[in-house]
């Protein structure tokens, strides 16, 4: 008792396919999250370089 799909193999297969789809969607969502984070970091880094304060000895008003 308690085995998966013992009485109804089709039901067990359907659950397995559903679990596989959920794992696939979870992996895709994690990948999208990682890529979004990398994109955000690169954008912030680019903006920080563009707004770099003037160096020592540069006139402040120019």
Protein backbone atom coordinates (compact mmCIF):
# COMPACT_ATOMS: atom_id res chain seq x y z
CA UNK A 1 0.00 0.00 0.00
CA UNK A 2 1.04 3.58 -0.42
CA UNK A 3 2.89 2.81 -3.65
CA UNK A 4 2.52 5.25 -6.50
CA UNK A 5 0.29 4.17 -9.35
CA UNK A 6 -0.21 0.58 -8.20
CA UNK A 7 -3.93 0.33 -8.97
CA UNK A 8 -4.10 2.90 -11.75
CA UNK A 9 -0.90 3.20 -13.80
CA UNK A 10 -2.42 5.88 -16.06
CA UNK A 11 -3.13 8.08 -13.05
CA UNK A 12 0.42 7.62 -11.84
CA UNK A 13 1.74 8.57 -15.26
CA UNK A 14 -0.44 11.67 -15.36
CA UNK A 15 0.81 12.75 -11.95
CA UNK A 16 4.36 12.16 -13.08
CA UNK A 17 3.85 14.29 -16.20
CA UNK A 18 2.24 17.01 -14.09
CA UNK A 19 5.16 16.95 -11.66
CA UNK A 20 7.59 17.12 -14.57
CA UNK A 21 5.78 20.14 -16.02
CA UNK A 22 5.78 21.87 -12.64
CA UNK A 23 9.50 21.22 -12.18
CA UNK A 24 10.16 22.55 -15.68
CA UNK A 25 8.15 25.70 -15.00
CA UNK A 26 9.94 26.15 -11.68
CA UNK A 27 13.32 25.86 -13.39
CA UNK A 28 12.32 28.33 -16.10
CA UNK A 29 11.04 30.83 -13.52
CA UNK A 30 14.30 30.53 -11.55
CA UNK A 31 16.31 31.09 -14.73
CA UNK A 32 14.24 34.16 -15.59
CA UNK A 33 14.80 35.47 -12.07
CA UNK A 34 18.57 35.02 -12.33
CA UNK A 35 18.70 36.69 -15.75
CA UNK A 36 16.57 39.59 -14.49
CA UNK A 37 18.90 40.03 -11.53
CA UNK A 38 21.97 40.06 -13.77
CA UNK A 39 20.32 42.58 -16.08
CA UNK A 40 19.45 44.81 -13.11
CA UNK A 41 23.02 44.67 -11.80
CA UNK A 42 24.47 45.53 -15.21
CA UNK A 43 22.05 48.45 -15.62
CA UNK A 44 22.92 49.80 -12.16
CA UNK A 45 26.63 49.47 -12.89
CA UNK A 46 26.24 51.32 -16.20
CA UNK A 47 24.28 54.13 -14.53
CA UNK A 48 26.88 54.40 -11.76
CA UNK A 49 29.62 54.83 -14.36
CA UNK A 50 27.65 57.52 -16.19
CA UNK A 51 27.05 59.47 -12.95
CA UNK A 52 30.66 59.18 -11.78
CA UNK A 53 31.69 62.20 -9.66
CA UNK A 54 34.48 64.37 -11.04
CA UNK A 55 38.00 63.34 -10.15
CA UNK A 56 40.38 65.16 -7.82
CA UNK A 57 41.53 68.44 -9.31
CA UNK A 58 38.61 68.83 -11.72
CA UNK A 59 36.63 72.06 -11.43
CA UNK A 60 33.28 71.40 -9.74
CA UNK A 61 31.22 73.93 -11.69
CA UNK A 62 32.11 72.76 -15.19
